[in-house]
Amino acid sequence: MMENEMASVTFDVPVMYADHHVIEVRRILLAVPGVEEVNASSAFHVVQIEYDPDKTSEDILKQILDENSYLGDLQVPMESGKPAAGPDGDTYFRHTAAYKSAGTVVSFGQEATTSGKPLWPCPGMGAPKIMDEEGEPDHG
């Protein structure tokens, strides 16, 4: 009996820039039936996938990476360069945001509103959850 020939595909994944992305990309791809091996590099922003073409396809693998926001360009917020007035009337020259867990605290004392999203776009990481002092979710 002849064994199925494996196929290989390589994708550029510019948003995979850290080790936790490599772990997540490997996790989501290895869960796909037919995927046999995943080699991912955050240093080179590439993922190579060995798969059984009878069980999955290049299009499906690309769709899975795209649905998880690993394809496309890394969106990095830019500073506007315009001064901002703080709650005390002082002028600050940096527009920034803080994680929800930091509340309105910014190191230079500016009041910053939170949008419920992380400061940097990071696939696989959602908005932080508010916890009470014991580390339990705060429902309240």
Protein backbone atom coordinates (compact mmCIF):
# COMPACT_ATOMS: atom_id res chain seq x y z
CA MET A 1 0.00 0.00 0.00
CA MET A 2 1.42 3.40 -1.03
CA GLU A 3 1.58 6.14 1.59
CA ASN A 4 0.09 9.56 0.73
CA GLU A 5 2.63 12.13 -0.32
CA MET A 6 2.82 15.07 2.05
CA ALA A 7 2.57 18.64 0.77
CA SER A 8 4.42 21.66 2.11
CA VAL A 9 3.52 25.33 2.18
CA THR A 10 5.28 28.36 3.63
CA PHE A 11 3.50 31.56 4.68
CA ASP A 12 4.90 34.95 5.59
CA VAL A 13 3.34 35.92 8.93
CA PRO A 14 4.55 39.46 9.74
CA VAL A 15 2.41 39.63 12.89
CA MET A 16 4.16 36.61 14.45
CA TYR A 17 6.89 38.58 16.24
CA ALA A 18 7.24 36.83 19.61
CA ASP A 19 7.55 33.33 21.05
CA HIS A 20 3.99 33.29 22.40
CA HIS A 21 2.82 33.78 18.80
CA VAL A 22 4.88 30.79 17.68
CA ILE A 23 3.20 28.67 20.36
CA GLU A 24 -0.27 29.89 19.34
CA VAL A 25 0.34 29.42 15.59
CA ARG A 26 1.59 25.88 16.21
CA ARG A 27 -1.41 25.14 18.45
CA ILE A 28 -4.04 26.30 15.94
CA LEU A 29 -2.37 24.66 12.93
CA LEU A 30 -1.61 21.32 14.61
CA ALA A 31 -5.33 21.10 15.52
CA VAL A 32 -6.20 20.95 11.80
CA PRO A 33 -6.76 17.37 10.59
CA GLY A 34 -3.98 16.43 8.17
CA VAL A 35 -1.36 18.85 9.50
CA GLU A 36 1.66 16.77 10.40
CA GLU A 37 4.39 19.31 11.17
CA VAL A 38 4.60 23.06 11.80
CA ASN A 39 7.89 24.96 11.86
CA ALA A 40 7.41 28.58 12.89
CA SER A 41 9.93 31.38 13.38
CA SER A 42 9.14 34.68 15.05
CA ALA A 43 12.60 35.94 14.06
CA PHE A 44 11.93 35.43 10.34
CA HIS A 45 8.11 35.83 10.52
CA VAL A 46 7.55 32.59 8.59
CA VAL A 47 5.62 29.40 9.16
CA GLN A 48 6.21 26.20 7.17
CA ILE A 49 3.50 23.55 7.28
CA GLU A 50 3.73 19.89 6.21
CA TYR A 51 0.25 18.48 5.57
CA ASP A 52 -1.73 15.70 3.93
CA PRO A 53 -3.45 17.24 0.87
CA ASP A 54 -6.20 14.61 1.10
CA LYS A 55 -7.26 16.01 4.50
CA THR A 56 -6.66 19.77 4.21
CA SER A 57 -5.47 22.36 1.71
CA GLU A 58 -3.23 25.40 1.42
CA ASP A 59 -6.35 27.60 1.16
CA ILE A 60 -7.77 26.23 4.43
CA LEU A 61 -4.46 26.74 6.24
CA LYS A 62 -4.20 30.30 4.90
CA GLN A 63 -7.79 30.99 5.96
CA ILE A 64 -7.08 29.74 9.49
CA LEU A 65 -4.02 31.98 9.81
CA ASP A 66 -6.00 34.94 8.43
CA GLU A 67 -8.98 34.34 10.79
CA ASN A 68 -6.52 34.44 13.69
CA SER A 69 -4.99 37.74 12.46
CA TYR A 70 -1.55 36.34 11.62
CA LEU A 71 -1.55 37.41 7.97
CA GLY A 72 -1.33 41.01 6.85
CA ASP A 73 0.78 43.84 8.15
CA LEU A 74 1.48 44.56 11.80
CA GLN A 75 -0.59 47.61 12.79
CA VAL A 76 1.39 49.80 15.16
CA PRO A 77 -0.22 52.93 16.59
CA MET A 78 1.62 56.13 15.80
CA GLU A 79 1.84 59.20 17.99
CA SER A 80 0.00 62.20 16.55
CA GLY A 81 2.59 64.79 17.56
CA LYS A 82 -0.18 67.10 18.81
CA PRO A 83 -0.10 68.20 22.46
CA ALA A 84 -2.80 66.94 24.81
CA ALA A 85 -4.16 68.75 27.83
CA GLY A 86 -4.25 66.75 31.06
CA PRO A 87 -7.01 66.98 33.72
CA ASP A 88 -4.87 69.46 35.66
CA GLY A 89 -4.66 71.77 32.62
CA ASP A 90 -1.01 70.93 31.98
CA THR A 91 0.02 70.19 28.40
CA TYR A 92 1.52 66.84 27.55
CA PHE A 93 3.17 66.03 24.26
CA ARG A 94 2.47 62.32 24.03
CA HIS A 95 -0.78 60.67 23.10
CA THR A 96 -0.82 57.14 24.44
CA ALA A 97 -3.12 54.47 25.82
CA ALA A 98 -2.91 52.11 28.75
CA TYR A 99 -4.19 48.61 29.40
CA LYS A 100 -7.52 48.49 31.14
CA SER A 101 -5.81 46.91 34.15
CA ALA A 102 -3.75 50.09 34.54
CA GLY A 103 -6.92 52.17 34.67
CA THR A 104 -6.11 55.82 34.08
CA VAL A 105 -2.55 55.59 35.37
CA VAL A 106 0.19 56.65 32.96
CA SER A 107 3.72 57.22 34.20
CA PHE A 108 3.70 60.93 33.47
CA GLY A 109 0.34 61.52 35.17
CA GLN A 110 -1.86 61.97 32.11
CA GLU A 111 -5.46 60.79 32.35
CA ALA A 112 -5.87 58.10 29.68
CA THR A 113 -9.14 56.48 28.76
CA THR A 114 -9.17 52.77 28.05
CA SER A 115 -10.81 51.14 25.06
CA GLY A 116 -10.77 47.58 26.39
CA LYS A 117 -8.05 46.60 23.90
CA PRO A 118 -4.33 45.97 24.45
CA LEU A 119 -1.94 48.82 23.67
CA TRP A 120 -0.20 46.80 20.94
CA PRO A 121 -2.10 44.58 18.49
CA CYS A 122 -1.22 41.07 19.54
CA PRO A 123 -3.04 38.11 17.97
CA GLY A 124 -4.16 35.53 20.47
CA MET A 125 -4.30 38.05 23.32
CA GLY A 126 -7.58 39.70 24.22
CA ALA A 127 -8.33 42.58 26.53
CA PRO A 128 -7.14 42.04 30.11
CA LYS A 129 -9.67 40.79 32.64
CA ILE A 130 -10.27 42.67 35.88
CA MET A 131 -9.39 40.50 38.89
CA ASP A 132 -10.01 41.00 42.58
CA GLU A 133 -7.20 40.89 45.16
CA GLU A 134 -7.35 37.06 45.38
CA GLY A 135 -6.91 36.70 41.61
CA GLU A 136 -10.55 35.80 40.98
CA PRO A 137 -12.57 37.48 38.19
CA ASP A 138 -14.36 40.61 39.44
CA HIS A 139 -18.04 40.29 38.49
CA GLY A 140 -18.99 43.39 40.01
